[in-house]
Amino acid sequence: MTKLPQAAMACALIGAIASGAQAFSDLAQSKKSLEATKTSWINFGSKGGRQIVMFDYFAMFKCDLKAVKYSLDSRAVDKTFAMPACDPANPFKVDKAEQLALPISGNVKTVSVQLVYADGATSPIRTYASCSLDDNSNCAHLIREGS
């Protein structure tokens, strides 16, 4: 099987959403897809002059995730991001984009993330650094993974 570059995998997944494809029904496949696209998990951005962290990438996997654990400027992953509820009949539905954004007070340099899958298994802790927000682009860089 040919491995797709991460950007191509992300585009394919986004295309699946746009075409109305069904959610991943195979948890093992969801885990593989998430691991292959780990550099795309979160983005830093700004809205109304305030820093935000976007967890929107997880919307297509919300039925396969029990929790998205995170922490700001630490690796404790001691907070849980409240993902929109899974609707198996319409797994990609998100009522408001704001449901996938975390407003941040102050200037956060890193966000650490750990996924808890529906079967209770966890991903490695991954830490992302903020890009420069001077150009108003939304981005993050994976800088560390593992315990």
N, C-alpha and C. Protein backbone atom coordinates (compact mmCIF):
# COMPACT_ATOMS: atom_id res chain seq x y z
N MET A 1 0.84 -1.17 0.00
CA MET A 1 0.00 0.00 0.00
C MET A 1 0.89 1.24 0.00
N THR A 2 0.60 2.20 -0.85
CA THR A 2 1.37 3.43 -0.95
C THR A 2 0.98 4.37 0.18
N LYS A 3 1.99 4.95 0.82
CA LYS A 3 1.72 5.92 1.87
C LYS A 3 1.51 7.29 1.26
N LEU A 4 0.43 7.96 1.66
CA LEU A 4 0.17 9.31 1.19
C LEU A 4 0.90 10.30 2.08
N PRO A 5 1.41 11.39 1.51
CA PRO A 5 1.95 12.44 2.36
C PRO A 5 0.85 12.96 3.27
N GLN A 6 1.23 13.50 4.43
CA GLN A 6 0.23 13.95 5.41
C GLN A 6 -0.71 14.98 4.83
N ALA A 7 -0.21 15.90 4.01
CA ALA A 7 -1.08 16.92 3.43
C ALA A 7 -2.11 16.28 2.51
N ALA A 8 -1.71 15.28 1.76
CA ALA A 8 -2.65 14.59 0.86
C ALA A 8 -3.71 13.84 1.65
N MET A 9 -3.29 13.23 2.77
CA MET A 9 -4.25 12.52 3.62
C MET A 9 -5.27 13.50 4.19
N ALA A 10 -4.80 14.64 4.65
CA ALA A 10 -5.70 15.65 5.21
C ALA A 10 -6.69 16.12 4.15
N CYS A 11 -6.20 16.35 2.94
CA CYS A 11 -7.09 16.79 1.85
C CYS A 11 -8.12 15.71 1.53
N ALA A 12 -7.70 14.46 1.54
CA ALA A 12 -8.63 13.37 1.26
C ALA A 12 -9.72 13.30 2.32
N LEU A 13 -9.34 13.48 3.59
CA LEU A 13 -10.32 13.44 4.67
C LEU A 13 -11.29 14.61 4.58
N ILE A 14 -10.78 15.78 4.27
CA ILE A 14 -11.64 16.95 4.11
C ILE A 14 -12.58 16.75 2.93
N GLY A 15 -12.08 16.17 1.86
CA GLY A 15 -12.91 15.87 0.69
C GLY A 15 -14.02 14.90 1.03
N ALA A 16 -13.72 13.94 1.90
CA ALA A 16 -14.74 12.98 2.31
C ALA A 16 -15.86 13.67 3.06
N ILE A 17 -15.51 14.63 3.89
CA ILE A 17 -16.53 15.39 4.62
C ILE A 17 -17.38 16.19 3.64
N ALA A 18 -16.71 16.88 2.72
CA ALA A 18 -17.42 17.73 1.77
C ALA A 18 -18.39 16.93 0.91
N SER A 19 -18.04 15.68 0.61
CA SER A 19 -18.89 14.86 -0.25
C SER A 19 -19.99 14.16 0.53
N GLY A 20 -20.02 14.37 1.85
CA GLY A 20 -21.07 13.75 2.66
C GLY A 20 -20.79 12.30 3.00
N ALA A 21 -19.53 11.90 2.97
CA ALA A 21 -19.17 10.52 3.28
C ALA A 21 -19.56 10.18 4.72
N GLN A 22 -19.78 8.91 4.97
CA GLN A 22 -20.11 8.46 6.32
C GLN A 22 -18.88 8.53 7.20
N ALA A 23 -19.10 8.65 8.49
CA ALA A 23 -18.00 8.68 9.45
C ALA A 23 -17.26 7.35 9.40
N PHE A 24 -16.04 7.38 9.87
CA PHE A 24 -15.28 6.14 9.95
C PHE A 24 -16.03 5.19 10.86
N SER A 25 -16.31 3.99 10.39
CA SER A 25 -17.01 3.03 11.22
C SER A 25 -16.03 2.05 11.83
N ASP A 26 -14.79 2.12 11.44
CA ASP A 26 -13.76 1.24 11.93
C ASP A 26 -12.81 2.06 12.80
N LEU A 27 -12.87 1.82 14.10
CA LEU A 27 -12.05 2.57 15.03
C LEU A 27 -10.56 2.43 14.70
N ALA A 28 -10.14 1.25 14.30
CA ALA A 28 -8.73 1.04 13.94
C ALA A 28 -8.33 1.95 12.79
N GLN A 29 -9.21 2.12 11.81
CA GLN A 29 -8.91 3.00 10.67
C GLN A 29 -8.85 4.46 11.12
N SER A 30 -9.74 4.84 12.01
CA SER A 30 -9.71 6.21 12.53
C SER A 30 -8.40 6.48 13.24
N LYS A 31 -7.94 5.53 14.05
CA LYS A 31 -6.66 5.69 14.76
C LYS A 31 -5.52 5.85 13.77
N LYS A 32 -5.50 5.03 12.73
CA LYS A 32 -4.44 5.13 11.70
C LYS A 32 -4.48 6.49 11.01
N SER A 33 -5.68 6.94 10.68
CA SER A 33 -5.82 8.23 10.00
C SER A 33 -5.35 9.37 10.90
N LEU A 34 -5.72 9.32 12.16
CA LEU A 34 -5.30 10.37 13.09
C LEU A 34 -3.79 10.36 13.30
N GLU A 35 -3.21 9.18 13.40
CA GLU A 35 -1.75 9.10 13.55
C GLU A 35 -1.04 9.63 12.30
N ALA A 36 -1.58 9.33 11.14
CA ALA A 36 -0.96 9.78 9.88
C ALA A 36 -1.04 11.29 9.70
N THR A 37 -1.98 11.92 10.37
CA THR A 37 -2.20 13.36 10.20
C THR A 37 -1.98 14.13 11.51
N LYS A 38 -1.15 13.60 12.37
CA LYS A 38 -0.95 14.19 13.70
C LYS A 38 -0.44 15.62 13.67
N THR A 39 0.22 16.02 12.60
CA THR A 39 0.71 17.41 12.52
C THR A 39 -0.43 18.39 12.26
N SER A 40 -1.61 17.88 11.93
CA SER A 40 -2.76 18.74 11.61
C SER A 40 -3.80 18.80 12.72
N TRP A 41 -3.53 18.23 13.86
CA TRP A 41 -4.55 18.10 14.89
C TRP A 41 -5.12 19.41 15.37
N ILE A 42 -4.28 20.40 15.63
CA ILE A 42 -4.78 21.68 16.14
C ILE A 42 -4.19 22.83 15.35
N ASN A 43 -4.78 23.98 15.51
CA ASN A 43 -4.26 25.23 14.97
C ASN A 43 -4.43 26.32 16.00
N PHE A 44 -3.45 27.19 16.06
CA PHE A 44 -3.59 28.43 16.82
C PHE A 44 -4.15 29.46 15.86
N GLY A 45 -4.89 30.38 16.36
CA GLY A 45 -5.41 31.46 15.53
C GLY A 45 -5.79 32.63 16.41
N SER A 46 -6.51 33.56 15.83
CA SER A 46 -7.01 34.69 16.61
C SER A 46 -8.38 35.08 16.09
N LYS A 47 -9.18 35.56 17.00
CA LYS A 47 -10.52 36.02 16.64
C LYS A 47 -10.84 37.21 17.53
N GLY A 48 -11.13 38.31 16.91
CA GLY A 48 -11.44 39.51 17.67
C GLY A 48 -10.28 39.97 18.54
N GLY A 49 -9.06 39.76 18.07
CA GLY A 49 -7.87 40.16 18.82
C GLY A 49 -7.51 39.23 19.96
N ARG A 50 -8.20 38.12 20.06
CA ARG A 50 -7.96 37.15 21.14
C ARG A 50 -7.43 35.86 20.56
N GLN A 51 -6.45 35.26 21.23
CA GLN A 51 -5.88 33.99 20.78
C GLN A 51 -6.88 32.86 20.99
N ILE A 52 -6.96 31.95 20.03
CA ILE A 52 -7.81 30.76 20.14
C ILE A 52 -7.01 29.54 19.70
N VAL A 53 -7.44 28.38 20.17
CA VAL A 53 -6.93 27.10 19.68
C VAL A 53 -8.09 26.41 19.02
N MET A 54 -7.88 25.98 17.79
CA MET A 54 -8.93 25.31 17.02
C MET A 54 -8.76 23.79 17.11
N PHE A 55 -9.81 23.10 17.53
CA PHE A 55 -9.84 21.65 17.58
C PHE A 55 -10.73 21.09 16.46
N ASP A 56 -10.96 21.88 15.42
CA ASP A 56 -11.91 21.51 14.36
C ASP A 56 -11.53 20.25 13.60
N TYR A 57 -10.26 19.92 13.57
CA TYR A 57 -9.83 18.72 12.84
C TYR A 57 -10.50 17.46 13.40
N PHE A 58 -10.80 17.48 14.69
CA PHE A 58 -11.37 16.29 15.33
C PHE A 58 -12.86 16.11 15.05
N ALA A 59 -13.50 17.08 14.40
CA ALA A 59 -14.94 16.99 14.15
C ALA A 59 -15.32 15.73 13.39
N MET A 60 -14.51 15.35 12.41
CA MET A 60 -14.84 14.16 11.62
C MET A 60 -14.59 12.86 12.37
N PHE A 61 -13.91 12.94 13.50
CA PHE A 61 -13.59 11.74 14.28
C PHE A 61 -14.35 11.70 15.61
N LYS A 62 -15.24 12.66 15.84
CA LYS A 62 -15.85 12.80 17.17
C LYS A 62 -16.59 11.55 17.63
N CYS A 63 -17.10 10.74 16.71
CA CYS A 63 -17.79 9.51 17.11
C CYS A 63 -16.81 8.43 17.57
N ASP A 64 -15.54 8.58 17.24
CA ASP A 64 -14.52 7.61 17.63
C ASP A 64 -13.66 8.09 18.79
N LEU A 65 -13.96 9.28 19.30
CA LEU A 65 -13.20 9.85 20.41
C LEU A 65 -14.06 9.94 21.66
N LYS A 66 -13.54 9.43 22.75
CA LYS A 66 -14.21 9.57 24.05
C LYS A 66 -13.89 10.94 24.64
N ALA A 67 -12.63 11.41 24.42
CA ALA A 67 -12.22 12.70 24.98
C ALA A 67 -11.02 13.25 24.23
N VAL A 68 -10.91 14.58 24.25
CA VAL A 68 -9.72 15.28 23.78
C VAL A 68 -9.17 16.00 25.01
N LYS A 69 -8.08 15.46 25.54
CA LYS A 69 -7.43 16.04 26.72
C LYS A 69 -6.40 17.06 26.23
N TYR A 70 -6.22 18.14 27.00
CA TYR A 70 -5.26 19.16 26.60
C TYR A 70 -4.73 19.91 27.82
N SER A 71 -3.66 20.64 27.62
CA SER A 71 -3.15 21.58 28.61
C SER A 71 -2.45 22.71 27.88
N LEU A 72 -2.40 23.85 28.54
CA LEU A 72 -1.78 25.05 27.98
C LEU A 72 -0.43 25.28 28.64
N ASP A 73 0.61 25.41 27.83
CA ASP A 73 1.97 25.66 28.31
C ASP A 73 2.45 24.64 29.34
N SER A 74 1.96 23.40 29.23
CA SER A 74 2.45 22.29 30.06
C SER A 74 2.09 21.00 29.33
N ARG A 75 2.58 19.89 29.86
CA ARG A 75 2.26 18.58 29.26
C ARG A 75 1.35 17.76 30.17
N ALA A 76 0.65 18.42 31.09
CA ALA A 76 -0.18 17.73 32.06
C ALA A 76 -1.45 17.11 31.46
N VAL A 77 -1.91 17.60 30.33
CA VAL A 77 -3.19 17.21 29.69
C VAL A 77 -4.27 16.95 30.75
N ASP A 78 -4.48 17.97 31.59
CA ASP A 78 -5.38 17.85 32.72
C ASP A 78 -6.74 18.51 32.49
N LYS A 79 -7.00 18.96 31.27
CA LYS A 79 -8.29 19.55 30.93
C LYS A 79 -8.90 18.71 29.80
N THR A 80 -10.22 18.78 29.68
CA THR A 80 -10.91 18.06 28.61
C THR A 80 -11.65 19.06 27.75
N PHE A 81 -11.41 19.00 26.44
CA PHE A 81 -12.13 19.85 25.50
C PHE A 81 -13.48 19.21 25.21
N ALA A 82 -14.55 19.95 25.35
CA ALA A 82 -15.90 19.43 25.15
C ALA A 82 -16.22 19.40 23.65
N MET A 83 -16.09 18.25 23.06
CA MET A 83 -16.43 18.09 21.64
C MET A 83 -17.95 18.05 21.50
N PRO A 84 -18.46 18.48 20.35
CA PRO A 84 -19.89 18.34 20.10
C PRO A 84 -20.28 16.85 20.17
N ALA A 85 -21.50 16.59 20.57
CA ALA A 85 -21.97 15.21 20.71
C ALA A 85 -21.96 14.49 19.36
N CYS A 86 -21.74 13.19 19.42
CA CYS A 86 -21.76 12.35 18.21
C CYS A 86 -23.20 12.03 17.84
N ASP A 87 -23.54 12.27 16.60
CA ASP A 87 -24.84 11.86 16.05
C ASP A 87 -24.51 10.85 14.95
N PRO A 88 -24.65 9.55 15.22
CA PRO A 88 -24.27 8.54 14.23
C PRO A 88 -24.98 8.71 12.88
N ALA A 89 -26.17 9.30 12.89
CA ALA A 89 -26.89 9.52 11.63
C ALA A 89 -26.31 10.69 10.84
N ASN A 90 -25.62 11.59 11.50
CA ASN A 90 -25.03 12.76 10.86
C ASN A 90 -23.72 13.09 11.59
N PRO A 91 -22.71 12.21 11.44
CA PRO A 91 -21.51 12.29 12.28
C PRO A 91 -20.65 13.54 12.09
N PHE A 92 -20.77 14.25 10.97
CA PHE A 92 -19.93 15.42 10.73
C PHE A 92 -20.63 16.72 11.10
N LYS A 93 -21.85 16.64 11.58
CA LYS A 93 -22.62 17.84 11.88
C LYS A 93 -22.02 18.56 13.10
N VAL A 94 -21.80 19.84 12.93
CA VAL A 94 -21.39 20.73 14.01
C VAL A 94 -22.26 21.96 13.88
N ASP A 95 -23.05 22.24 14.89
CA ASP A 95 -24.00 23.35 14.81
C ASP A 95 -23.32 24.70 14.67
N LYS A 96 -22.24 24.92 15.42
CA LYS A 96 -21.54 26.19 15.37
C LYS A 96 -20.04 25.94 15.38
N ALA A 97 -19.32 26.63 14.52
CA ALA A 97 -17.86 26.48 14.47
C ALA A 97 -17.22 26.82 15.81
N GLU A 98 -17.87 27.69 16.58
CA GLU A 98 -17.34 28.09 17.88
C GLU A 98 -17.23 26.89 18.83
N GLN A 99 -18.02 25.83 18.56
CA GLN A 99 -17.95 24.64 19.40
C GLN A 99 -16.58 23.97 19.32
N LEU A 100 -15.81 24.29 18.30
CA LEU A 100 -14.52 23.65 18.08
C LEU A 100 -13.35 24.58 18.36
N ALA A 101 -13.64 25.74 18.94
CA ALA A 101 -12.60 26.73 19.24
C ALA A 101 -12.50 26.92 20.75
N LEU A 102 -11.27 27.07 21.22
CA LEU A 102 -11.01 27.32 22.63
C LEU A 102 -10.42 28.71 22.76
N PRO A 103 -11.20 29.68 23.28
CA PRO A 103 -10.64 31.02 23.51
C PRO A 103 -9.62 30.95 24.65
N ILE A 104 -8.54 31.69 24.50
CA ILE A 104 -7.46 31.66 25.48
C ILE A 104 -7.24 33.05 26.04
N SER A 105 -7.08 33.12 27.35
CA SER A 105 -6.69 34.37 27.99
C SER A 105 -5.17 34.42 28.05
N GLY A 106 -4.61 35.55 27.71
CA GLY A 106 -3.16 35.68 27.75
C GLY A 106 -2.51 35.18 26.47
N ASN A 107 -1.22 34.96 26.54
CA ASN A 107 -0.45 34.53 25.37
C ASN A 107 0.11 33.14 25.62
N VAL A 108 -0.52 32.13 25.05
CA VAL A 108 -0.11 30.75 25.22
C VAL A 108 0.90 30.39 24.14
N LYS A 109 1.98 29.75 24.53
CA LYS A 109 3.03 29.36 23.57
C LYS A 109 2.85 27.94 23.06
N THR A 110 2.36 27.02 23.92
CA THR A 110 2.19 25.62 23.51
C THR A 110 0.87 25.06 24.02
N VAL A 111 0.39 24.06 23.29
CA VAL A 111 -0.77 23.27 23.70
C VAL A 111 -0.39 21.81 23.56
N SER A 112 -0.60 21.05 24.63
CA SER A 112 -0.38 19.61 24.57
C SER A 112 -1.72 18.92 24.46
N VAL A 113 -1.77 17.85 23.67
CA VAL A 113 -3.02 17.16 23.36
C VAL A 113 -2.82 15.66 23.50
N GLN A 114 -3.81 15.00 24.07
CA GLN A 114 -3.85 13.54 24.09
C GLN A 114 -5.28 13.12 23.78
N LEU A 115 -5.43 12.21 22.85
CA LEU A 115 -6.75 11.70 22.49
C LEU A 115 -7.07 10.46 23.32
N VAL A 116 -8.33 10.36 23.73
CA VAL A 116 -8.83 9.15 24.36
C VAL A 116 -9.85 8.59 23.38
N TYR A 117 -9.55 7.42 22.84
CA TYR A 117 -10.41 6.81 21.83
C TYR A 117 -11.61 6.14 22.48
N ALA A 118 -12.60 5.81 21.68
CA ALA A 118 -13.85 5.21 22.15
C ALA A 118 -13.60 3.91 22.92
N ASP A 119 -12.52 3.20 22.60
CA ASP A 119 -12.21 1.95 23.29
C ASP A 119 -11.37 2.16 24.55
N GLY A 120 -11.09 3.43 24.90
CA GLY A 120 -10.31 3.74 26.10
C GLY A 120 -8.82 3.87 25.87
N ALA A 121 -8.33 3.45 24.71
CA ALA A 121 -6.90 3.60 24.39
C ALA A 121 -6.57 5.09 24.26
N THR A 122 -5.32 5.44 24.48
CA THR A 122 -4.91 6.85 24.38
C THR A 122 -3.78 7.01 23.36
N SER A 123 -3.74 8.19 22.78
CA SER A 123 -2.64 8.54 21.89
C SER A 123 -1.46 9.02 22.74
N PRO A 124 -0.28 9.09 22.15
CA PRO A 124 0.82 9.74 22.87
C PRO A 124 0.46 11.21 23.09
N ILE A 125 1.03 11.81 24.11
CA ILE A 125 0.85 13.25 24.33
C ILE A 125 1.67 13.97 23.26
N ARG A 126 1.02 14.91 22.58
CA ARG A 126 1.69 15.69 21.53
C ARG A 126 1.62 17.16 21.90
N THR A 127 2.73 17.85 21.71
CA THR A 127 2.80 19.27 22.05
C THR A 127 3.02 20.08 20.78
N TYR A 128 2.21 21.12 20.64
CA TYR A 128 2.23 21.99 19.47
C TYR A 128 2.60 23.40 19.90
N ALA A 129 3.42 24.05 19.09
CA ALA A 129 3.80 25.44 19.36
C ALA A 129 3.05 26.35 18.41
N SER A 130 2.77 27.53 18.90
CA SER A 130 2.09 28.53 18.10
C SER A 130 3.02 29.09 17.03
N CYS A 131 2.46 29.33 15.86
CA CYS A 131 3.17 30.05 14.81
C CYS A 131 3.04 31.54 15.10
N SER A 132 3.73 32.34 14.36
CA SER A 132 3.57 33.78 14.48
C SER A 132 2.17 34.15 14.02
N LEU A 133 1.48 34.92 14.82
CA LEU A 133 0.13 35.35 14.44
C LEU A 133 0.16 36.69 13.73
N ASP A 134 1.37 37.19 13.42
CA ASP A 134 1.49 38.48 12.75
C ASP A 134 0.80 38.51 11.40
N ASP A 135 0.77 37.36 10.72
CA ASP A 135 0.18 37.33 9.38
C ASP A 135 -1.27 36.84 9.38
N ASN A 136 -1.87 36.71 10.59
CA ASN A 136 -3.26 36.26 10.73
C ASN A 136 -3.52 34.86 10.19
N SER A 137 -2.49 34.05 10.02
CA SER A 137 -2.71 32.69 9.56
C SER A 137 -2.94 31.78 10.76
N ASN A 138 -3.68 30.72 10.54
CA ASN A 138 -3.93 29.73 11.57
C ASN A 138 -2.95 28.59 11.36
N CYS A 139 -2.12 28.33 12.36
CA CYS A 139 -1.19 27.21 12.23
C CYS A 139 -0.64 26.80 13.58
N ALA A 140 0.00 25.65 13.60
CA ALA A 140 0.70 25.14 14.77
C ALA A 140 1.77 24.18 14.26
N HIS A 141 2.79 24.01 15.05
CA HIS A 141 3.88 23.08 14.71
C HIS A 141 3.99 22.03 15.79
N LEU A 142 3.99 20.76 15.39
CA LEU A 142 4.21 19.67 16.33
C LEU A 142 5.68 19.73 16.75
N ILE A 143 5.91 19.90 18.06
CA ILE A 143 7.29 20.04 18.53
C ILE A 143 7.75 18.91 19.44
N ARG A 144 6.80 18.12 19.96
CA ARG A 144 7.20 17.03 20.85
C ARG A 144 6.09 16.01 20.91
N GLU A 145 6.48 14.73 20.99
CA GLU A 145 5.47 13.70 21.22
C GLU A 145 6.03 12.63 22.13
N GLY A 146 5.14 11.98 22.83
CA GLY A 146 5.52 10.97 23.80
C GLY A 146 5.31 11.49 25.21
N SER A 147 5.50 10.62 26.16
CA SER A 147 5.28 10.99 27.57
C SER A 147 6.24 11.98 27.99
